[in-house]
Amino acid sequence: MVISDTSKETKEVMRDLYRRMSPAKKIEMIFDACRTGQLLSMAGIRMQYPDASEEQIWHIWAKRHLGERLYEKVYGGKSI
């Protein structure tokens, strides 16, 4: 059983809005959500490492996001 605080009527309205939305708008919303997640994650990294530069923060985020193996493959072990 799934517990939800969204009413059935509200879900139906949301489904209808998504159905009528253009593919470009849907993609824009997805990218916005991903960017928001990245910004929240990077804010957490800044809290963990208050003295880190923006480049260091980005590399820490990239390593966490990509995983150690893919990060090393893409960035060649750039020290952060």
N, C-alpha and C. Protein backbone atom coordinates (compact mmCIF):
# COMPACT_ATOMS: atom_id res chain seq x y z
N MET A 1 0.83 -1.17 0.00
CA MET A 1 0.00 0.00 0.00
C MET A 1 0.88 1.25 0.00
N VAL A 2 0.55 2.18 -0.89
CA VAL A 2 1.29 3.43 -0.99
C VAL A 2 0.52 4.51 -0.24
N ILE A 3 1.23 5.21 0.63
CA ILE A 3 0.61 6.30 1.38
C ILE A 3 0.92 7.60 0.66
N SER A 4 -0.11 8.42 0.44
CA SER A 4 0.08 9.68 -0.27
C SER A 4 -0.76 10.77 0.39
N ASP A 5 -0.23 11.97 0.41
CA ASP A 5 -1.00 13.09 0.95
C ASP A 5 -1.66 13.89 -0.18
N THR A 6 -1.59 13.35 -1.40
CA THR A 6 -2.20 14.00 -2.55
C THR A 6 -3.51 13.31 -2.88
N SER A 7 -4.58 14.10 -2.98
CA SER A 7 -5.90 13.51 -3.25
C SER A 7 -5.97 12.95 -4.67
N LYS A 8 -6.90 12.05 -4.88
CA LYS A 8 -7.11 11.44 -6.19
C LYS A 8 -7.44 12.51 -7.22
N GLU A 9 -8.26 13.47 -6.84
CA GLU A 9 -8.65 14.54 -7.76
C GLU A 9 -7.43 15.39 -8.18
N THR A 10 -6.59 15.68 -7.21
CA THR A 10 -5.38 16.46 -7.51
C THR A 10 -4.47 15.69 -8.45
N LYS A 11 -4.32 14.40 -8.23
CA LYS A 11 -3.49 13.57 -9.11
C LYS A 11 -4.04 13.57 -10.53
N GLU A 12 -5.36 13.52 -10.66
CA GLU A 12 -5.98 13.54 -11.99
C GLU A 12 -5.71 14.87 -12.70
N VAL A 13 -5.80 15.98 -11.96
CA VAL A 13 -5.50 17.29 -12.53
C VAL A 13 -4.04 17.34 -12.97
N MET A 14 -3.14 16.85 -12.13
CA MET A 14 -1.72 16.86 -12.46
C MET A 14 -1.45 16.01 -13.71
N ARG A 15 -2.05 14.82 -13.79
CA ARG A 15 -1.87 13.96 -14.96
C ARG A 15 -2.34 14.67 -16.23
N ASP A 16 -3.49 15.35 -16.14
CA ASP A 16 -4.01 16.07 -17.29
C ASP A 16 -3.06 17.19 -17.72
N LEU A 17 -2.53 17.93 -16.75
CA LEU A 17 -1.58 18.99 -17.07
C LEU A 17 -0.33 18.43 -17.75
N TYR A 18 0.19 17.31 -17.25
CA TYR A 18 1.37 16.70 -17.85
C TYR A 18 1.07 16.19 -19.26
N ARG A 19 -0.10 15.63 -19.47
CA ARG A 19 -0.46 15.14 -20.80
C ARG A 19 -0.50 16.26 -21.83
N ARG A 20 -0.97 17.43 -21.40
CA ARG A 20 -1.09 18.56 -22.33
C ARG A 20 0.21 19.34 -22.49
N MET A 21 1.17 19.07 -21.64
CA MET A 21 2.44 19.79 -21.67
C MET A 21 3.28 19.35 -22.87
N SER A 22 3.96 20.29 -23.49
CA SER A 22 4.82 19.95 -24.64
C SER A 22 6.02 19.14 -24.16
N PRO A 23 6.58 18.31 -25.06
CA PRO A 23 7.79 17.57 -24.69
C PRO A 23 8.92 18.50 -24.26
N ALA A 24 9.04 19.65 -24.93
CA ALA A 24 10.10 20.60 -24.56
C ALA A 24 9.93 21.10 -23.12
N LYS A 25 8.69 21.37 -22.73
CA LYS A 25 8.43 21.84 -21.37
C LYS A 25 8.73 20.74 -20.35
N LYS A 26 8.37 19.49 -20.67
CA LYS A 26 8.66 18.37 -19.78
C LYS A 26 10.17 18.21 -19.58
N ILE A 27 10.92 18.32 -20.68
CA ILE A 27 12.37 18.20 -20.59
C ILE A 27 12.94 19.35 -19.77
N GLU A 28 12.42 20.56 -19.98
CA GLU A 28 12.87 21.72 -19.21
C GLU A 28 12.65 21.49 -17.71
N MET A 29 11.51 20.93 -17.35
CA MET A 29 11.21 20.66 -15.94
C MET A 29 12.17 19.63 -15.36
N ILE A 30 12.51 18.62 -16.15
CA ILE A 30 13.44 17.58 -15.70
C ILE A 30 14.82 18.19 -15.45
N PHE A 31 15.29 19.01 -16.42
CA PHE A 31 16.60 19.64 -16.24
C PHE A 31 16.61 20.59 -15.05
N ASP A 32 15.52 21.32 -14.85
CA ASP A 32 15.42 22.21 -13.68
C ASP A 32 15.51 21.41 -12.38
N ALA A 33 14.82 20.27 -12.34
CA ALA A 33 14.85 19.44 -11.13
C ALA A 33 16.25 18.89 -10.88
N CYS A 34 16.92 18.47 -11.94
CA CYS A 34 18.30 17.96 -11.80
C CYS A 34 19.24 19.06 -11.31
N ARG A 35 19.09 20.25 -11.88
CA ARG A 35 19.94 21.37 -11.48
C ARG A 35 19.70 21.74 -10.01
N THR A 36 18.44 21.71 -9.61
CA THR A 36 18.11 22.00 -8.21
C THR A 36 18.76 20.97 -7.29
N GLY A 37 18.71 19.71 -7.67
CA GLY A 37 19.36 18.66 -6.88
C GLY A 37 20.86 18.88 -6.79
N GLN A 38 21.47 19.26 -7.90
CA GLN A 38 22.91 19.53 -7.90
C GLN A 38 23.23 20.69 -6.97
N LEU A 39 22.45 21.76 -7.05
CA LEU A 39 22.71 22.93 -6.20
C LEU A 39 22.55 22.59 -4.72
N LEU A 40 21.55 21.79 -4.40
CA LEU A 40 21.36 21.38 -3.00
C LEU A 40 22.53 20.51 -2.52
N SER A 41 22.96 19.61 -3.37
CA SER A 41 24.09 18.75 -3.02
C SER A 41 25.35 19.57 -2.82
N MET A 42 25.58 20.53 -3.72
CA MET A 42 26.77 21.37 -3.61
C MET A 42 26.70 22.26 -2.37
N ALA A 43 25.51 22.68 -1.98
CA ALA A 43 25.37 23.47 -0.75
C ALA A 43 25.77 22.62 0.45
N GLY A 44 25.40 21.35 0.43
CA GLY A 44 25.80 20.45 1.51
C GLY A 44 27.30 20.26 1.55
N ILE A 45 27.92 20.17 0.38
CA ILE A 45 29.38 20.03 0.30
C ILE A 45 30.05 21.27 0.87
N ARG A 46 29.51 22.44 0.54
CA ARG A 46 30.06 23.69 1.09
C ARG A 46 30.01 23.70 2.61
N MET A 47 28.94 23.14 3.16
CA MET A 47 28.83 23.08 4.62
C MET A 47 29.87 22.12 5.20
N GLN A 48 30.14 21.03 4.49
CA GLN A 48 31.14 20.06 4.97
C GLN A 48 32.55 20.60 4.84
N TYR A 49 32.79 21.35 3.76
CA TYR A 49 34.13 21.85 3.45
C TYR A 49 34.07 23.37 3.28
N PRO A 50 33.93 24.12 4.35
CA PRO A 50 33.75 25.58 4.23
C PRO A 50 34.93 26.32 3.61
N ASP A 51 36.10 25.73 3.63
CA ASP A 51 37.28 26.40 3.06
C ASP A 51 37.57 25.99 1.62
N ALA A 52 36.74 25.11 1.05
CA ALA A 52 36.98 24.62 -0.31
C ALA A 52 36.63 25.69 -1.33
N SER A 53 37.38 25.71 -2.43
CA SER A 53 37.09 26.63 -3.53
C SER A 53 35.90 26.08 -4.32
N GLU A 54 35.35 26.92 -5.19
CA GLU A 54 34.22 26.47 -6.02
C GLU A 54 34.64 25.31 -6.92
N GLU A 55 35.87 25.35 -7.43
CA GLU A 55 36.35 24.25 -8.26
C GLU A 55 36.45 22.96 -7.45
N GLN A 56 36.96 23.05 -6.24
CA GLN A 56 37.04 21.87 -5.38
C GLN A 56 35.65 21.32 -5.07
N ILE A 57 34.73 22.21 -4.79
CA ILE A 57 33.36 21.78 -4.50
C ILE A 57 32.77 21.06 -5.70
N TRP A 58 32.99 21.62 -6.89
CA TRP A 58 32.47 20.99 -8.10
C TRP A 58 33.07 19.60 -8.28
N HIS A 59 34.37 19.47 -8.06
CA HIS A 59 35.02 18.16 -8.23
C HIS A 59 34.55 17.15 -7.17
N ILE A 60 34.33 17.59 -5.96
CA ILE A 60 33.79 16.69 -4.94
C ILE A 60 32.41 16.22 -5.36
N TRP A 61 31.58 17.16 -5.85
CA TRP A 61 30.24 16.80 -6.31
C TRP A 61 30.32 15.82 -7.48
N ALA A 62 31.20 16.11 -8.44
CA ALA A 62 31.33 15.25 -9.61
C ALA A 62 31.75 13.84 -9.21
N LYS A 63 32.69 13.74 -8.28
CA LYS A 63 33.15 12.42 -7.84
C LYS A 63 32.02 11.65 -7.17
N ARG A 64 31.23 12.33 -6.34
CA ARG A 64 30.10 11.68 -5.69
C ARG A 64 29.02 11.29 -6.70
N HIS A 65 28.80 12.16 -7.67
CA HIS A 65 27.75 11.95 -8.65
C HIS A 65 28.12 10.84 -9.63
N LEU A 66 29.36 10.86 -10.11
CA LEU A 66 29.79 9.89 -11.11
C LEU A 66 30.28 8.58 -10.51
N GLY A 67 30.73 8.64 -9.27
CA GLY A 67 31.37 7.48 -8.67
C GLY A 67 32.87 7.57 -8.93
N GLU A 68 33.61 6.93 -8.05
CA GLU A 68 35.09 7.01 -8.10
C GLU A 68 35.64 6.57 -9.46
N ARG A 69 35.17 5.42 -9.95
CA ARG A 69 35.75 4.84 -11.17
C ARG A 69 35.51 5.73 -12.39
N LEU A 70 34.27 6.17 -12.60
CA LEU A 70 33.97 7.00 -13.76
C LEU A 70 34.61 8.38 -13.62
N TYR A 71 34.64 8.92 -12.41
CA TYR A 71 35.30 10.20 -12.19
C TYR A 71 36.77 10.12 -12.60
N GLU A 72 37.46 9.07 -12.17
CA GLU A 72 38.88 8.90 -12.51
C GLU A 72 39.05 8.77 -14.02
N LYS A 73 38.14 8.05 -14.66
CA LYS A 73 38.22 7.86 -16.11
C LYS A 73 38.02 9.19 -16.85
N VAL A 74 37.07 9.98 -16.40
CA VAL A 74 36.74 11.24 -17.06
C VAL A 74 37.76 12.33 -16.76
N TYR A 75 38.15 12.45 -15.49
CA TYR A 75 39.00 13.56 -15.08
C TYR A 75 40.45 13.15 -14.80
N GLY A 76 40.77 11.89 -14.98
CA GLY A 76 42.15 11.45 -14.85
C GLY A 76 42.79 11.68 -13.50
N GLY A 77 41.97 11.59 -12.44
CA GLY A 77 42.51 11.70 -11.11
C GLY A 77 42.93 13.11 -10.72
N LYS A 78 42.33 14.11 -11.36
CA LYS A 78 42.64 15.50 -11.00
C LYS A 78 42.51 15.66 -9.49
N SER A 79 43.57 16.15 -8.86
CA SER A 79 43.52 16.28 -7.41
C SER A 79 42.63 17.46 -7.04
N ILE A 80 41.91 17.28 -5.95
CA ILE A 80 40.99 18.35 -5.50
C ILE A 80 41.39 18.84 -4.14
